[in-house]
Amino acid sequence: MLQPPLRARRYRFQMPRNVRNPLLAALACLLALVPLAVAAYSFGPLKSVDLRVLLQLERESGPLYRLAAVLVNLGDLGALLLLGAVAAALGLWFGRRREAVAALVVVAGANLTTQALKTTLEHARDKAWEHGVELPWPNSFPSGHTTAAAAIAVALLLVVPAAYRPTAAVIGSLLTAAVGLSVVVLAWHYPSDVLGGLLVVGAWGFAAVAYLRLRADRDGARRARAMPEVGLEPTSPQGQSILSRSRMPIPPLRRGAAREL
């Protein structure tokens, strides 16, 4: 009996879900940054809310002003370099060299992006003499200090193992919140500037997560292909142990697989 000829297979690049999701999140941060910048400079209602929140939080003296003047230094260049070196050292300490490099790329990339946006979008949003107070400079969007603090927070999450990430998340959140609130209290930035800095870091951070997961999947696939050459099966206990180290999805263990060894 004659069989119909087989159709040629169509090969399509299928991105794993664990890579696609953070990549989409990075794209969402970039897309959200555009309307935020436009609204912060041109949309009257948002400009009004932005200014109102700034005037409510701004302090020119008192305990809150003094505290903000100290905490804001955590977003300076010196603190950024020091904390970035600490994050890289932690990555090396835990044997996560790839993650340490990715963390440094996030810190450098996010801060360079923010500085480029500050120069490109430099424009005064409000006239200080109309409100009788000192207002942020024309190049305040996005907030460089907030970008620096949030980038360090993301770097910490990248370099530590999963068991330490809740602690790293708390430390990073406190650092970012302290710096982000301080720059508003000191009238260095509008609240929208702080949000813009977070979106910049979010884009770089999610992109780094997507890259790390893609590389981990490829490493795991390469190890799985090499297992039969050394007499191992991916579904065996030893094979599953090796795949788990590469963070590959572990195939289910077949019944009697242990007896096949």
Protein backbone atom coordinates (compact mmCIF):
# COMPACT_ATOMS: atom_id res chain seq x y z
CA MET A 1 0.00 0.00 0.00
CA LEU A 2 1.36 3.31 -1.03
CA GLN A 3 1.74 5.94 1.67
CA PRO A 4 1.38 9.65 0.98
CA PRO A 5 4.68 11.53 1.02
CA LEU A 6 5.59 13.06 4.32
CA ARG A 7 5.20 16.78 4.55
CA ALA A 8 8.29 18.76 5.20
CA ARG A 9 8.41 19.92 8.79
CA ARG A 10 8.23 23.59 9.47
CA TYR A 11 10.79 24.66 11.99
CA ARG A 12 9.82 27.63 14.07
CA PHE A 13 11.69 29.27 16.87
CA GLN A 14 9.62 28.77 20.00
CA MET A 15 10.68 30.81 22.97
CA PRO A 16 10.20 29.05 26.33
CA ARG A 17 7.59 30.61 28.56
CA ASN A 18 10.08 31.18 31.37
CA VAL A 19 12.10 33.33 28.93
CA ARG A 20 9.20 34.97 27.11
CA ASN A 21 7.47 36.31 30.23
CA PRO A 22 10.35 38.43 31.59
CA LEU A 23 11.12 39.59 28.05
CA LEU A 24 7.53 40.81 27.69
CA ALA A 25 7.80 42.48 31.09
CA ALA A 26 10.94 44.32 29.93
CA LEU A 27 9.11 45.47 26.81
CA ALA A 28 6.15 46.61 28.92
CA CYS A 29 8.46 48.75 31.07
CA LEU A 30 9.90 50.38 27.95
CA LEU A 31 6.46 51.03 26.48
CA ALA A 32 5.18 52.47 29.76
CA LEU A 33 8.16 54.83 29.94
CA VAL A 34 7.12 56.66 26.76
CA PRO A 35 3.60 57.77 27.81
CA LEU A 36 4.86 58.54 31.30
CA ALA A 37 7.46 60.96 29.92
CA VAL A 38 4.94 62.56 27.58
CA ALA A 39 2.35 62.92 30.33
CA ALA A 40 4.86 64.25 32.87
CA TYR A 41 5.86 67.07 30.54
CA SER A 42 2.68 67.75 28.57
CA PHE A 43 -0.44 66.29 30.21
CA GLY A 44 -1.99 68.92 32.46
CA PRO A 45 -3.78 66.66 35.00
CA LEU A 46 -0.70 64.54 35.65
CA LYS A 47 1.51 67.61 35.90
CA SER A 48 -0.90 69.03 38.45
CA VAL A 49 -0.92 65.85 40.54
CA ASP A 50 2.86 65.57 40.23
CA LEU A 51 3.36 69.09 41.52
CA ARG A 52 0.76 68.72 44.27
CA VAL A 53 2.40 65.58 45.68
CA LEU A 54 5.81 67.22 45.49
CA LEU A 55 4.64 70.30 47.41
CA GLN A 56 3.03 68.07 50.06
CA LEU A 57 6.21 66.03 50.65
CA GLU A 58 8.84 68.72 50.22
CA ARG A 59 10.68 69.88 53.32
CA GLU A 60 13.22 72.68 53.66
CA SER A 61 14.14 71.91 57.28
CA GLY A 62 13.28 69.64 60.17
CA PRO A 63 13.96 65.98 61.04
CA LEU A 64 12.52 64.57 57.81
CA TYR A 65 14.68 66.91 55.73
CA ARG A 66 17.82 65.94 57.64
CA LEU A 67 17.02 62.23 57.33
CA ALA A 68 16.40 62.57 53.59
CA ALA A 69 19.66 64.49 53.18
CA VAL A 70 21.50 61.47 54.64
CA LEU A 71 19.58 58.68 52.89
CA VAL A 72 19.84 60.27 49.46
CA ASN A 73 23.59 59.65 49.53
CA LEU A 74 22.84 55.95 49.02
CA GLY A 75 22.04 56.85 45.41
CA ASP A 76 25.23 58.83 44.75
CA LEU A 77 27.91 57.63 42.35
CA GLY A 78 30.25 56.58 45.15
CA ALA A 79 27.60 54.44 46.81
CA LEU A 80 26.62 53.01 43.43
CA LEU A 81 30.18 51.87 42.70
CA LEU A 82 30.65 50.45 46.18
CA LEU A 83 27.34 48.58 46.32
CA GLY A 84 27.79 47.36 42.76
CA ALA A 85 31.17 45.91 43.73
CA VAL A 86 29.56 44.25 46.77
CA ALA A 87 26.87 42.69 44.57
CA ALA A 88 29.48 41.38 42.13
CA ALA A 89 31.55 39.99 45.01
CA LEU A 90 28.49 38.20 46.39
CA GLY A 91 27.88 36.65 42.99
CA LEU A 92 31.44 35.36 42.85
CA TRP A 93 31.21 34.13 46.44
CA PHE A 94 28.15 32.04 45.60
CA GLY A 95 29.74 30.76 42.41
CA ARG A 96 27.30 32.68 40.19
CA ARG A 97 29.70 34.36 37.80
CA ARG A 98 27.22 34.73 34.97
CA GLU A 99 24.69 36.35 37.29
CA ALA A 100 27.38 38.68 38.65
CA VAL A 101 28.21 39.87 35.13
CA ALA A 102 24.50 40.31 34.37
CA ALA A 103 24.08 42.35 37.55
CA LEU A 104 26.89 44.70 36.55
CA VAL A 105 25.37 45.07 33.08
CA VAL A 106 22.02 46.00 34.65
CA VAL A 107 23.63 48.59 36.94
CA ALA A 108 25.68 50.16 34.14
CA GLY A 109 22.99 49.93 31.46
CA ALA A 110 20.18 51.34 33.57
CA ASN A 111 22.22 54.29 34.81
CA LEU A 112 23.57 55.15 31.36
CA THR A 113 20.04 54.95 29.96
CA THR A 114 18.74 57.31 32.62
CA GLN A 115 21.51 59.82 32.00
CA ALA A 116 20.81 59.72 28.26
CA LEU A 117 17.09 60.30 28.87
CA LYS A 118 17.79 63.16 31.26
CA THR A 119 19.83 64.93 28.59
CA THR A 120 17.34 64.22 25.81
CA LEU A 121 14.21 65.21 27.74
CA GLU A 122 15.62 68.24 29.55
CA HIS A 123 12.77 70.71 29.83
CA ALA A 124 11.32 72.83 32.64
CA ARG A 125 7.85 71.66 33.67
CA ASP A 126 6.87 74.38 36.13
CA LYS A 127 8.01 77.89 36.90
CA ALA A 128 9.41 78.15 40.39
CA TRP A 129 8.43 81.79 40.85
CA GLU A 130 4.76 80.89 40.35
CA HIS A 131 4.83 78.61 43.39
CA GLY A 132 7.36 80.36 45.60
CA VAL A 133 9.39 77.21 46.21
CA GLU A 134 12.45 75.55 44.75
CA LEU A 135 11.47 72.99 42.12
CA PRO A 136 13.43 70.16 40.46
CA TRP A 137 15.84 71.02 37.66
CA PRO A 138 14.72 70.73 34.02
CA ASN A 139 16.69 67.47 33.54
CA SER A 140 15.03 65.67 36.44
CA PHE A 141 13.31 62.92 34.41
CA PRO A 142 14.05 60.09 35.19
CA SER A 143 15.55 60.16 38.67
CA GLY A 144 19.21 59.17 38.58
CA HIS A 145 19.38 58.48 42.31
CA THR A 146 16.32 56.23 42.18
CA THR A 147 17.76 54.42 39.16
CA ALA A 148 21.00 53.78 41.03
CA ALA A 149 19.27 52.43 44.14
CA ALA A 150 16.81 50.26 42.20
CA ALA A 151 19.60 48.89 39.99
CA ILE A 152 21.51 47.77 43.09
CA ALA A 153 18.33 46.13 44.40
CA VAL A 154 17.94 44.17 41.17
CA ALA A 155 21.63 43.27 41.18
CA LEU A 156 21.29 41.76 44.66
CA LEU A 157 18.34 39.65 43.52
CA LEU A 158 20.32 38.35 40.56
CA VAL A 159 23.50 37.35 42.36
CA VAL A 160 22.15 35.54 45.43
CA PRO A 161 20.71 32.00 45.41
CA ALA A 162 16.95 31.51 45.72
CA ALA A 163 17.17 30.85 49.47
CA TYR A 164 18.52 34.36 50.08
CA ARG A 165 16.27 36.26 47.67
CA PRO A 166 13.54 37.17 50.21
CA THR A 167 16.20 38.88 52.33
CA ALA A 168 17.72 40.55 49.27
CA ALA A 169 14.25 41.71 48.19
CA VAL A 170 13.60 43.35 51.56
CA ILE A 171 16.99 45.10 51.58
CA GLY A 172 16.60 46.26 47.99
CA SER A 173 13.05 47.50 48.53
CA LEU A 174 14.05 49.50 51.61
CA LEU A 175 17.01 50.99 49.76
CA THR A 176 14.93 51.98 46.74
CA ALA A 177 12.08 53.38 48.83
CA ALA A 178 14.44 55.39 51.04
CA VAL A 179 16.22 57.00 48.10
CA GLY A 180 13.07 57.48 46.02
CA LEU A 181 11.25 59.23 48.85
CA SER A 182 14.29 61.30 49.82
CA VAL A 183 14.71 62.88 46.39
CA VAL A 184 11.08 64.05 46.52
CA VAL A 185 11.38 65.37 50.09
CA LEU A 186 14.45 67.34 49.03
CA ALA A 187 12.57 68.61 45.93
CA TRP A 188 15.21 67.13 43.63
CA HIS A 189 12.62 65.15 41.68
CA TYR A 190 8.93 64.90 40.95
CA PRO A 191 7.19 61.62 41.85
CA SER A 192 6.96 60.82 38.11
CA ASP A 193 10.76 61.05 37.92
CA VAL A 194 11.02 58.32 40.55
CA LEU A 195 8.56 56.14 38.64
CA GLY A 196 10.52 56.73 35.44
CA GLY A 197 13.72 55.54 37.09
CA LEU A 198 11.97 52.37 38.29
CA LEU A 199 10.74 51.63 34.77
CA VAL A 200 14.23 52.01 33.33
CA VAL A 201 15.63 49.56 35.87
CA GLY A 202 12.68 47.23 35.37
CA ALA A 203 13.38 47.02 31.64
CA TRP A 204 17.04 46.15 32.18
CA GLY A 205 16.31 43.79 35.07
CA PHE A 206 13.66 41.74 33.27
CA ALA A 207 15.84 41.57 30.16
CA ALA A 208 18.69 40.20 32.28
CA VAL A 209 16.40 37.56 33.80
CA ALA A 210 15.28 36.48 30.31
CA TYR A 211 18.89 36.19 29.16
CA LEU A 212 19.97 34.18 32.21
CA ARG A 213 17.06 31.77 31.84
CA LEU A 214 17.75 31.31 28.14
CA ARG A 215 21.39 30.50 28.81
CA ALA A 216 20.45 28.13 31.63
CA ASP A 217 18.03 26.27 29.35
CA ARG A 218 20.66 25.95 26.63
CA ASP A 219 23.25 24.70 29.10
CA GLY A 220 20.80 22.13 30.42
CA ALA A 221 19.93 20.95 26.91
CA ARG A 222 23.62 20.55 26.11
CA ARG A 223 24.14 18.49 29.27
CA ALA A 224 21.12 16.36 28.44
CA ARG A 225 22.46 15.60 24.97
CA ALA A 226 25.83 14.63 26.44
CA MET A 227 24.39 12.20 29.01
CA PRO A 228 23.92 9.19 26.70
CA GLU A 229 27.57 9.45 25.71
CA VAL A 230 28.61 8.76 29.30
CA GLY A 231 25.96 6.10 29.92
CA LEU A 232 23.36 8.28 31.69
CA GLU A 233 19.70 8.86 30.92
CA PRO A 234 18.05 12.27 31.56
CA THR A 235 15.23 10.48 33.43
CA SER A 236 17.58 8.63 35.77
CA PRO A 237 18.20 9.95 39.29
CA GLN A 238 21.76 10.95 38.37
CA GLY A 239 20.56 12.64 35.19
CA GLN A 240 17.86 14.53 37.03
CA SER A 241 20.43 15.72 39.56
CA ILE A 242 22.60 17.14 36.78
CA LEU A 243 19.67 18.80 35.02
CA SER A 244 18.45 20.38 38.27
CA ARG A 245 21.77 22.17 38.64
CA SER A 246 21.27 23.81 35.28
CA ARG A 247 17.70 24.83 36.17
CA MET A 248 16.29 22.83 33.24
CA PRO A 249 12.73 21.46 33.49
CA ILE A 250 13.23 17.96 34.94
CA PRO A 251 11.51 15.16 32.96
CA PRO A 252 9.38 12.78 35.01
CA LEU A 253 11.09 9.70 36.35
CA ARG A 254 9.91 6.54 34.58
CA ARG A 255 9.02 3.49 36.58
CA GLY A 256 11.95 1.15 36.81
CA ALA A 257 14.37 3.79 35.54
CA ALA A 258 16.64 3.17 38.51
CA ARG A 259 16.80 -0.53 37.62
CA GLU A 260 17.88 0.30 34.06
CA LEU A 261 21.24 1.62 35.29
